[in-house]
Amino acid sequence: MDFEILTIEKIQCAFERALELSSDRELAMRAAAQSLSIPVDSVRDALAISEGAPA
C-alpha cells in the first residue's frame, strides 16, 4: 500500500476546487475528502488550521 503525505495546502486546494462546483461547504469538504481518500474530519481540521481557528 502506498502512502502520501498531504499538506494543508493540498487539502485546501482540493476543497477550493470542490467549492467551485458547490457553494455548500459541507458538500465541498466531503468531495475534497473523497478525492484525496481521507476522512472528512481531516479536511475540516486542515481548513480550521489554514483559517487560523483552533482545530
N, C-alpha and C. Protein backbone atom coordinates (compact mmCIF):
# COMPACT_ATOMS: atom_id res chain seq x y z
N MET A 1 0.85 -1.17 0.00
CA MET A 1 0.00 0.00 0.00
C MET A 1 0.90 1.24 0.00
N ASP A 2 0.61 2.17 -0.89
CA ASP A 2 1.38 3.41 -0.96
C ASP A 2 0.72 4.47 -0.10
N PHE A 3 1.57 5.26 0.54
CA PHE A 3 1.08 6.36 1.35
C PHE A 3 1.64 7.66 0.82
N GLU A 4 0.88 8.72 1.00
CA GLU A 4 1.30 10.04 0.57
C GLU A 4 1.05 11.01 1.71
N ILE A 5 2.00 11.87 1.96
CA ILE A 5 1.82 12.91 2.96
C ILE A 5 1.11 14.07 2.28
N LEU A 6 -0.03 14.44 2.84
CA LEU A 6 -0.81 15.54 2.28
C LEU A 6 -0.54 16.81 3.07
N THR A 7 -0.22 17.86 2.37
CA THR A 7 -0.03 19.14 3.04
C THR A 7 -1.38 19.83 3.21
N ILE A 8 -1.42 20.75 4.14
CA ILE A 8 -2.63 21.54 4.34
C ILE A 8 -2.98 22.28 3.06
N GLU A 9 -1.96 22.74 2.35
CA GLU A 9 -2.20 23.47 1.10
C GLU A 9 -2.88 22.58 0.06
N LYS A 10 -2.46 21.33 -0.03
CA LYS A 10 -3.07 20.41 -1.00
C LYS A 10 -4.52 20.13 -0.64
N ILE A 11 -4.79 19.96 0.64
CA ILE A 11 -6.16 19.74 1.09
C ILE A 11 -7.01 20.98 0.82
N GLN A 12 -6.45 22.14 1.10
CA GLN A 12 -7.17 23.39 0.88
C GLN A 12 -7.47 23.58 -0.62
N CYS A 13 -6.53 23.24 -1.48
CA CYS A 13 -6.75 23.35 -2.93
C CYS A 13 -7.86 22.42 -3.39
N ALA A 14 -7.88 21.21 -2.87
CA ALA A 14 -8.94 20.26 -3.22
C ALA A 14 -10.29 20.78 -2.75
N PHE A 15 -10.33 21.38 -1.58
CA PHE A 15 -11.56 21.96 -1.05
C PHE A 15 -12.02 23.13 -1.92
N GLU A 16 -11.10 23.99 -2.30
CA GLU A 16 -11.45 25.15 -3.12
C GLU A 16 -11.97 24.72 -4.50
N ARG A 17 -11.36 23.68 -5.07
CA ARG A 17 -11.86 23.16 -6.36
C ARG A 17 -13.28 22.63 -6.19
N ALA A 18 -13.52 21.90 -5.12
CA ALA A 18 -14.85 21.36 -4.87
C ALA A 18 -15.86 22.47 -4.59
N LEU A 19 -15.40 23.51 -3.93
CA LEU A 19 -16.28 24.64 -3.61
C LEU A 19 -16.73 25.38 -4.86
N GLU A 20 -15.92 25.33 -5.91
CA GLU A 20 -16.31 25.94 -7.19
C GLU A 20 -17.51 25.21 -7.80
N LEU A 21 -17.64 23.93 -7.51
CA LEU A 21 -18.74 23.14 -8.04
C LEU A 21 -20.00 23.21 -7.18
N SER A 22 -19.81 23.44 -5.90
CA SER A 22 -20.94 23.53 -4.98
C SER A 22 -20.62 24.56 -3.92
N SER A 23 -21.54 25.49 -3.71
CA SER A 23 -21.30 26.53 -2.70
C SER A 23 -21.55 26.02 -1.28
N ASP A 24 -22.01 24.80 -1.15
CA ASP A 24 -22.24 24.18 0.16
C ASP A 24 -20.90 23.69 0.71
N ARG A 25 -20.44 24.31 1.81
CA ARG A 25 -19.13 23.98 2.38
C ARG A 25 -19.04 22.52 2.82
N GLU A 26 -20.11 22.00 3.40
CA GLU A 26 -20.08 20.61 3.87
C GLU A 26 -19.93 19.65 2.68
N LEU A 27 -20.68 19.89 1.62
CA LEU A 27 -20.54 19.04 0.43
C LEU A 27 -19.16 19.17 -0.18
N ALA A 28 -18.61 20.37 -0.18
CA ALA A 28 -17.27 20.58 -0.73
C ALA A 28 -16.23 19.85 0.12
N MET A 29 -16.40 19.86 1.44
CA MET A 29 -15.48 19.13 2.31
C MET A 29 -15.55 17.64 2.05
N ARG A 30 -16.76 17.13 1.86
CA ARG A 30 -16.94 15.70 1.57
C ARG A 30 -16.32 15.33 0.23
N ALA A 31 -16.50 16.20 -0.76
CA ALA A 31 -15.93 15.93 -2.08
C ALA A 31 -14.41 15.96 -2.03
N ALA A 32 -13.84 16.93 -1.32
CA ALA A 32 -12.39 17.01 -1.19
C ALA A 32 -11.85 15.78 -0.47
N ALA A 33 -12.52 15.37 0.59
CA ALA A 33 -12.10 14.18 1.33
C ALA A 33 -12.13 12.94 0.44
N GLN A 34 -13.20 12.82 -0.34
CA GLN A 34 -13.32 11.65 -1.22
C GLN A 34 -12.23 11.67 -2.28
N SER A 35 -11.94 12.84 -2.85
CA SER A 35 -10.94 12.90 -3.91
C SER A 35 -9.53 12.60 -3.39
N LEU A 36 -9.30 12.88 -2.11
CA LEU A 36 -7.98 12.62 -1.52
C LEU A 36 -7.93 11.32 -0.73
N SER A 37 -9.05 10.63 -0.63
CA SER A 37 -9.16 9.37 0.13
C SER A 37 -8.77 9.55 1.59
N ILE A 38 -9.33 10.59 2.20
CA ILE A 38 -9.09 10.86 3.62
C ILE A 38 -10.43 11.12 4.29
N PRO A 39 -10.49 11.03 5.62
CA PRO A 39 -11.74 11.31 6.33
C PRO A 39 -12.13 12.79 6.22
N VAL A 40 -13.43 13.04 6.26
CA VAL A 40 -13.94 14.41 6.20
C VAL A 40 -13.38 15.23 7.37
N ASP A 41 -13.24 14.60 8.53
CA ASP A 41 -12.70 15.32 9.69
C ASP A 41 -11.29 15.84 9.44
N SER A 42 -10.52 15.12 8.65
CA SER A 42 -9.17 15.58 8.31
C SER A 42 -9.22 16.84 7.47
N VAL A 43 -10.16 16.89 6.54
CA VAL A 43 -10.34 18.11 5.73
C VAL A 43 -10.78 19.25 6.62
N ARG A 44 -11.74 18.98 7.49
CA ARG A 44 -12.25 20.01 8.41
C ARG A 44 -11.12 20.56 9.29
N ASP A 45 -10.28 19.67 9.82
CA ASP A 45 -9.17 20.09 10.67
C ASP A 45 -8.15 20.92 9.89
N ALA A 46 -7.84 20.49 8.68
CA ALA A 46 -6.86 21.23 7.85
C ALA A 46 -7.38 22.62 7.52
N LEU A 47 -8.67 22.73 7.22
CA LEU A 47 -9.24 24.04 6.91
C LEU A 47 -9.26 24.93 8.15
N ALA A 48 -9.54 24.35 9.30
CA ALA A 48 -9.53 25.14 10.53
C ALA A 48 -8.13 25.68 10.80
N ILE A 49 -7.13 24.87 10.57
CA ILE A 49 -5.74 25.31 10.79
C ILE A 49 -5.38 26.40 9.78
N SER A 50 -5.75 26.20 8.52
CA SER A 50 -5.40 27.18 7.49
C SER A 50 -6.13 28.50 7.68
N GLU A 51 -7.31 28.45 8.30
CA GLU A 51 -8.09 29.67 8.55
C GLU A 51 -7.75 30.29 9.90
N GLY A 52 -6.85 29.67 10.65
CA GLY A 52 -6.41 30.23 11.92
C GLY A 52 -7.30 29.90 13.11
N ALA A 53 -8.28 29.03 12.92
CA ALA A 53 -9.14 28.64 14.02
C ALA A 53 -8.55 27.42 14.72
N PRO A 54 -8.80 27.27 16.01
CA PRO A 54 -8.29 26.07 16.69
C PRO A 54 -8.98 24.84 16.15
N ALA A 55 -8.20 23.80 15.95
CA ALA A 55 -8.75 22.55 15.36
C ALA A 55 -9.55 21.78 16.36
